[in-house]
Amino acid sequence: MKKFEGIEAFDQAVKAEGQFLVLKHSSTCPISQAAYEEYEKFADEQKELQTFYLVVQEDRPLSNHIAEKYEIKHESPQAILFKNGAIAWHASHWKITYDSLQSVIAE
């Protein structure tokens, strides 16, 4: 699991095509902390899938960029699966669980 450091790093990951998951995480929200723990547990087991996260308080421009460019309402926490440069799936708050992440990757 890698931390995105800015819009350029994110855009490079999108341009690389393929598939990756990103978690928009709030460092001050207990719901976001629970989602982060589920995401981290899932990410630790991934060998093929790239997993990233960003902390919205530290990188608001990137969080806004994702919301605006992909026309997706900003939420935090929010997990987003990108496939070939487009959003293939997203979930927020209590819907971000190990099992939900596992099932979306299995599809």
N, C-alpha and C. Protein backbone atom coordinates (compact mmCIF):
# COMPACT_ATOMS: atom_id res chain seq x y z
N MET A 1 0.85 -1.16 0.00
CA MET A 1 0.00 0.00 0.00
C MET A 1 0.91 1.24 0.00
N LYS A 2 0.69 2.09 -0.98
CA LYS A 2 1.51 3.29 -1.11
C LYS A 2 0.65 4.53 -0.95
N LYS A 3 1.27 5.57 -0.44
CA LYS A 3 0.57 6.84 -0.29
C LYS A 3 0.78 7.69 -1.54
N PHE A 4 -0.32 8.18 -2.10
CA PHE A 4 -0.21 9.11 -3.23
C PHE A 4 0.32 10.43 -2.70
N GLU A 5 1.25 10.99 -3.44
CA GLU A 5 1.82 12.29 -3.10
C GLU A 5 1.53 13.25 -4.25
N GLY A 6 0.31 13.69 -4.37
CA GLY A 6 -0.03 14.71 -5.34
C GLY A 6 -0.72 14.20 -6.59
N ILE A 7 -1.21 15.18 -7.35
CA ILE A 7 -1.99 14.90 -8.55
C ILE A 7 -1.16 14.20 -9.62
N GLU A 8 0.09 14.62 -9.78
CA GLU A 8 0.93 14.03 -10.83
C GLU A 8 1.13 12.53 -10.63
N ALA A 9 1.39 12.12 -9.41
CA ALA A 9 1.57 10.68 -9.11
C ALA A 9 0.29 9.91 -9.40
N PHE A 10 -0.85 10.48 -9.02
CA PHE A 10 -2.13 9.84 -9.28
C PHE A 10 -2.36 9.71 -10.79
N ASP A 11 -2.17 10.81 -11.52
CA ASP A 11 -2.40 10.79 -12.97
C ASP A 11 -1.49 9.79 -13.68
N GLN A 12 -0.27 9.63 -13.20
CA GLN A 12 0.64 8.62 -13.78
C GLN A 12 0.10 7.21 -13.56
N ALA A 13 -0.45 6.95 -12.40
CA ALA A 13 -1.03 5.63 -12.13
C ALA A 13 -2.21 5.36 -13.05
N VAL A 14 -3.04 6.37 -13.29
CA VAL A 14 -4.18 6.22 -14.19
C VAL A 14 -3.71 5.97 -15.61
N LYS A 15 -2.70 6.72 -16.06
CA LYS A 15 -2.18 6.57 -17.42
C LYS A 15 -1.53 5.21 -17.66
N ALA A 16 -1.06 4.60 -16.59
CA ALA A 16 -0.40 3.29 -16.72
C ALA A 16 -1.40 2.20 -17.08
N GLU A 17 -2.68 2.61 -17.16
CA GLU A 17 -3.77 1.66 -17.46
C GLU A 17 -3.85 0.64 -16.34
N GLY A 18 -4.25 -0.57 -16.66
CA GLY A 18 -4.37 -1.59 -15.63
C GLY A 18 -5.42 -1.26 -14.59
N GLN A 19 -5.19 -1.79 -13.40
CA GLN A 19 -6.18 -1.72 -12.32
C GLN A 19 -5.47 -1.35 -11.02
N PHE A 20 -6.07 -0.45 -10.25
CA PHE A 20 -5.56 -0.15 -8.92
C PHE A 20 -6.69 0.37 -8.05
N LEU A 21 -6.46 0.29 -6.75
CA LEU A 21 -7.45 0.73 -5.76
C LEU A 21 -6.87 1.89 -4.98
N VAL A 22 -7.70 2.87 -4.66
CA VAL A 22 -7.27 4.00 -3.83
C VAL A 22 -8.30 4.24 -2.73
N LEU A 23 -7.80 4.58 -1.55
CA LEU A 23 -8.65 4.93 -0.42
C LEU A 23 -8.43 6.39 -0.09
N LYS A 24 -9.50 7.16 -0.10
CA LYS A 24 -9.47 8.54 0.38
C LYS A 24 -9.79 8.46 1.88
N HIS A 25 -8.82 8.86 2.69
CA HIS A 25 -8.89 8.64 4.14
C HIS A 25 -8.83 9.97 4.89
N SER A 26 -9.68 10.10 5.90
CA SER A 26 -9.63 11.26 6.80
C SER A 26 -8.92 10.85 8.09
N SER A 27 -7.90 11.60 8.45
CA SER A 27 -7.12 11.25 9.64
C SER A 27 -7.83 11.63 10.95
N THR A 28 -8.99 12.27 10.87
CA THR A 28 -9.68 12.71 12.08
C THR A 28 -11.02 12.02 12.31
N CYS A 29 -11.39 11.11 11.44
CA CYS A 29 -12.72 10.49 11.51
C CYS A 29 -12.61 9.02 11.96
N PRO A 30 -13.36 8.63 13.00
CA PRO A 30 -13.31 7.24 13.46
C PRO A 30 -13.87 6.26 12.43
N ILE A 31 -14.86 6.67 11.65
CA ILE A 31 -15.38 5.78 10.60
C ILE A 31 -14.29 5.55 9.54
N SER A 32 -13.58 6.62 9.21
CA SER A 32 -12.50 6.50 8.24
C SER A 32 -11.38 5.61 8.78
N GLN A 33 -11.10 5.70 10.06
CA GLN A 33 -10.07 4.85 10.65
C GLN A 33 -10.46 3.38 10.55
N ALA A 34 -11.72 3.06 10.79
CA ALA A 34 -12.18 1.68 10.66
C ALA A 34 -12.05 1.20 9.21
N ALA A 35 -12.42 2.05 8.26
CA ALA A 35 -12.30 1.69 6.84
C ALA A 35 -10.83 1.51 6.47
N TYR A 36 -9.96 2.38 6.99
CA TYR A 36 -8.53 2.29 6.71
C TYR A 36 -7.98 0.94 7.20
N GLU A 37 -8.39 0.52 8.36
CA GLU A 37 -7.92 -0.77 8.90
C GLU A 37 -8.38 -1.94 8.03
N GLU A 38 -9.62 -1.90 7.57
CA GLU A 38 -10.13 -2.94 6.66
C GLU A 38 -9.34 -2.93 5.34
N TYR A 39 -9.13 -1.74 4.81
CA TYR A 39 -8.39 -1.56 3.55
C TYR A 39 -6.95 -2.04 3.69
N GLU A 40 -6.32 -1.69 4.80
CA GLU A 40 -4.93 -2.09 5.04
C GLU A 40 -4.80 -3.61 5.12
N LYS A 41 -5.74 -4.24 5.82
CA LYS A 41 -5.73 -5.71 5.92
C LYS A 41 -5.86 -6.33 4.53
N PHE A 42 -6.78 -5.80 3.72
CA PHE A 42 -6.97 -6.27 2.35
C PHE A 42 -5.71 -6.02 1.51
N ALA A 43 -5.18 -4.81 1.58
CA ALA A 43 -4.02 -4.43 0.76
C ALA A 43 -2.79 -5.28 1.08
N ASP A 44 -2.61 -5.63 2.34
CA ASP A 44 -1.46 -6.44 2.74
C ASP A 44 -1.43 -7.80 2.07
N GLU A 45 -2.58 -8.30 1.66
CA GLU A 45 -2.66 -9.62 1.03
C GLU A 45 -2.55 -9.57 -0.49
N GLN A 46 -2.57 -8.38 -1.05
CA GLN A 46 -2.59 -8.25 -2.51
C GLN A 46 -1.19 -8.39 -3.09
N LYS A 47 -1.05 -9.27 -4.04
CA LYS A 47 0.23 -9.46 -4.74
C LYS A 47 0.17 -8.83 -6.13
N GLU A 48 -0.98 -8.88 -6.77
CA GLU A 48 -1.13 -8.40 -8.14
C GLU A 48 -1.72 -6.99 -8.23
N LEU A 49 -2.58 -6.64 -7.31
CA LEU A 49 -3.29 -5.37 -7.36
C LEU A 49 -2.52 -4.28 -6.62
N GLN A 50 -2.31 -3.15 -7.31
CA GLN A 50 -1.68 -2.01 -6.65
C GLN A 50 -2.72 -1.33 -5.77
N THR A 51 -2.31 -0.97 -4.56
CA THR A 51 -3.20 -0.29 -3.63
C THR A 51 -2.55 1.00 -3.15
N PHE A 52 -3.34 2.06 -3.13
CA PHE A 52 -2.87 3.38 -2.74
C PHE A 52 -3.85 3.99 -1.75
N TYR A 53 -3.40 5.05 -1.10
CA TYR A 53 -4.30 5.84 -0.26
C TYR A 53 -3.83 7.29 -0.29
N LEU A 54 -4.73 8.16 0.12
CA LEU A 54 -4.37 9.56 0.33
C LEU A 54 -5.10 10.05 1.57
N VAL A 55 -4.49 10.97 2.26
CA VAL A 55 -5.10 11.57 3.45
C VAL A 55 -5.68 12.91 3.00
N VAL A 56 -6.98 13.05 3.09
CA VAL A 56 -7.64 14.23 2.53
C VAL A 56 -7.18 15.53 3.19
N GLN A 57 -6.85 15.51 4.46
CA GLN A 57 -6.38 16.72 5.13
C GLN A 57 -5.00 17.15 4.60
N GLU A 58 -4.21 16.19 4.13
CA GLU A 58 -2.87 16.49 3.65
C GLU A 58 -2.82 16.77 2.15
N ASP A 59 -3.80 16.27 1.42
CA ASP A 59 -3.78 16.44 -0.04
C ASP A 59 -5.17 16.71 -0.58
N ARG A 60 -5.74 17.81 -0.12
CA ARG A 60 -7.07 18.22 -0.58
C ARG A 60 -7.10 18.44 -2.09
N PRO A 61 -6.04 19.03 -2.71
CA PRO A 61 -6.08 19.21 -4.17
C PRO A 61 -6.26 17.89 -4.92
N LEU A 62 -5.60 16.82 -4.48
CA LEU A 62 -5.76 15.52 -5.14
C LEU A 62 -7.16 14.97 -4.91
N SER A 63 -7.66 15.07 -3.70
CA SER A 63 -9.01 14.60 -3.41
C SER A 63 -10.02 15.31 -4.29
N ASN A 64 -9.89 16.63 -4.42
CA ASN A 64 -10.79 17.40 -5.28
C ASN A 64 -10.61 17.03 -6.76
N HIS A 65 -9.38 16.81 -7.18
CA HIS A 65 -9.08 16.43 -8.57
C HIS A 65 -9.82 15.14 -8.94
N ILE A 66 -9.76 14.15 -8.08
CA ILE A 66 -10.44 12.88 -8.35
C ILE A 66 -11.95 13.11 -8.46
N ALA A 67 -12.51 13.87 -7.52
CA ALA A 67 -13.96 14.12 -7.53
C ALA A 67 -14.38 14.86 -8.80
N GLU A 68 -13.62 15.86 -9.19
CA GLU A 68 -14.00 16.67 -10.35
C GLU A 68 -13.75 15.95 -11.67
N LYS A 69 -12.57 15.37 -11.81
CA LYS A 69 -12.21 14.73 -13.08
C LYS A 69 -13.10 13.54 -13.39
N TYR A 70 -13.46 12.78 -12.36
CA TYR A 70 -14.23 11.56 -12.58
C TYR A 70 -15.70 11.73 -12.22
N GLU A 71 -16.09 12.96 -11.92
CA GLU A 71 -17.49 13.28 -11.62
C GLU A 71 -18.08 12.33 -10.58
N ILE A 72 -17.37 12.22 -9.49
CA ILE A 72 -17.78 11.36 -8.39
C ILE A 72 -17.83 12.21 -7.13
N LYS A 73 -18.91 12.12 -6.41
CA LYS A 73 -19.07 12.91 -5.19
C LYS A 73 -17.96 12.56 -4.20
N HIS A 74 -17.33 13.59 -3.64
CA HIS A 74 -16.31 13.38 -2.62
C HIS A 74 -16.94 12.83 -1.35
N GLU A 75 -16.36 11.76 -0.86
CA GLU A 75 -16.73 11.22 0.44
C GLU A 75 -15.46 10.77 1.12
N SER A 76 -15.51 10.68 2.42
CA SER A 76 -14.35 10.23 3.17
C SER A 76 -14.86 9.50 4.41
N PRO A 77 -14.50 8.24 4.51
CA PRO A 77 -13.62 7.48 3.63
C PRO A 77 -14.33 7.08 2.33
N GLN A 78 -13.49 6.84 1.32
CA GLN A 78 -14.02 6.42 0.02
C GLN A 78 -12.98 5.52 -0.65
N ALA A 79 -13.41 4.34 -1.05
CA ALA A 79 -12.55 3.41 -1.80
C ALA A 79 -12.99 3.45 -3.26
N ILE A 80 -12.01 3.53 -4.15
CA ILE A 80 -12.31 3.63 -5.58
C ILE A 80 -11.41 2.66 -6.34
N LEU A 81 -12.03 1.85 -7.17
CA LEU A 81 -11.31 0.94 -8.04
C LEU A 81 -11.23 1.54 -9.44
N PHE A 82 -10.02 1.72 -9.94
CA PHE A 82 -9.80 2.21 -11.29
C PHE A 82 -9.39 1.05 -12.18
N LYS A 83 -10.01 0.98 -13.36
CA LYS A 83 -9.64 -0.01 -14.38
C LYS A 83 -9.49 0.72 -15.70
N ASN A 84 -8.32 0.59 -16.30
CA ASN A 84 -8.05 1.19 -17.60
C ASN A 84 -8.47 2.65 -17.68
N GLY A 85 -8.12 3.42 -16.67
CA GLY A 85 -8.34 4.86 -16.68
C GLY A 85 -9.72 5.33 -16.28
N ALA A 86 -10.60 4.44 -15.85
CA ALA A 86 -11.96 4.83 -15.47
C ALA A 86 -12.32 4.20 -14.13
N ILE A 87 -13.30 4.77 -13.48
CA ILE A 87 -13.78 4.20 -12.22
C ILE A 87 -14.66 3.00 -12.53
N ALA A 88 -14.29 1.86 -11.94
CA ALA A 88 -15.05 0.63 -12.13
C ALA A 88 -15.97 0.35 -10.94
N TRP A 89 -15.64 0.93 -9.77
CA TRP A 89 -16.42 0.68 -8.56
C TRP A 89 -15.99 1.69 -7.52
N HIS A 90 -16.90 2.04 -6.63
CA HIS A 90 -16.54 2.85 -5.47
C HIS A 90 -17.53 2.61 -4.34
N ALA A 91 -17.06 2.85 -3.14
CA ALA A 91 -17.89 2.69 -1.94
C ALA A 91 -17.39 3.66 -0.89
N SER A 92 -18.24 3.93 0.08
CA SER A 92 -17.83 4.85 1.14
C SER A 92 -18.29 4.35 2.50
N HIS A 93 -17.73 4.95 3.50
CA HIS A 93 -18.06 4.74 4.90
C HIS A 93 -18.08 3.26 5.29
N TRP A 94 -19.17 2.80 5.88
CA TRP A 94 -19.21 1.43 6.42
C TRP A 94 -19.26 0.36 5.32
N LYS A 95 -19.39 0.77 4.06
CA LYS A 95 -19.40 -0.20 2.96
C LYS A 95 -17.98 -0.63 2.57
N ILE A 96 -16.98 0.01 3.16
CA ILE A 96 -15.59 -0.36 2.89
C ILE A 96 -15.17 -1.39 3.93
N THR A 97 -15.23 -2.64 3.52
CA THR A 97 -14.85 -3.74 4.40
C THR A 97 -13.91 -4.67 3.64
N TYR A 98 -13.22 -5.48 4.38
CA TYR A 98 -12.35 -6.49 3.75
C TYR A 98 -13.15 -7.32 2.75
N ASP A 99 -14.33 -7.77 3.18
CA ASP A 99 -15.15 -8.62 2.31
C ASP A 99 -15.64 -7.89 1.05
N SER A 100 -16.03 -6.62 1.19
CA SER A 100 -16.50 -5.89 0.00
C SER A 100 -15.36 -5.66 -0.98
N LEU A 101 -14.17 -5.38 -0.47
CA LEU A 101 -13.02 -5.19 -1.34
C LEU A 101 -12.65 -6.52 -2.03
N GLN A 102 -12.69 -7.59 -1.26
CA GLN A 102 -12.38 -8.91 -1.81
C GLN A 102 -13.36 -9.28 -2.91
N SER A 103 -14.63 -9.04 -2.71
CA SER A 103 -15.63 -9.44 -3.69
C SER A 103 -15.55 -8.61 -4.97
N VAL A 104 -15.25 -7.32 -4.85
CA VAL A 104 -15.17 -6.50 -6.07
C VAL A 104 -13.95 -6.89 -6.92
N ILE A 105 -12.90 -7.31 -6.30
CA ILE A 105 -11.71 -7.75 -7.05
C ILE A 105 -11.95 -9.11 -7.69
N ALA A 106 -12.75 -9.93 -7.05
CA ALA A 106 -13.05 -11.27 -7.58
C ALA A 106 -13.94 -11.22 -8.82
N GLU A 107 -14.65 -10.11 -9.04
CA GLU A 107 -15.58 -10.00 -10.17
C GLU A 107 -14.85 -9.94 -11.49
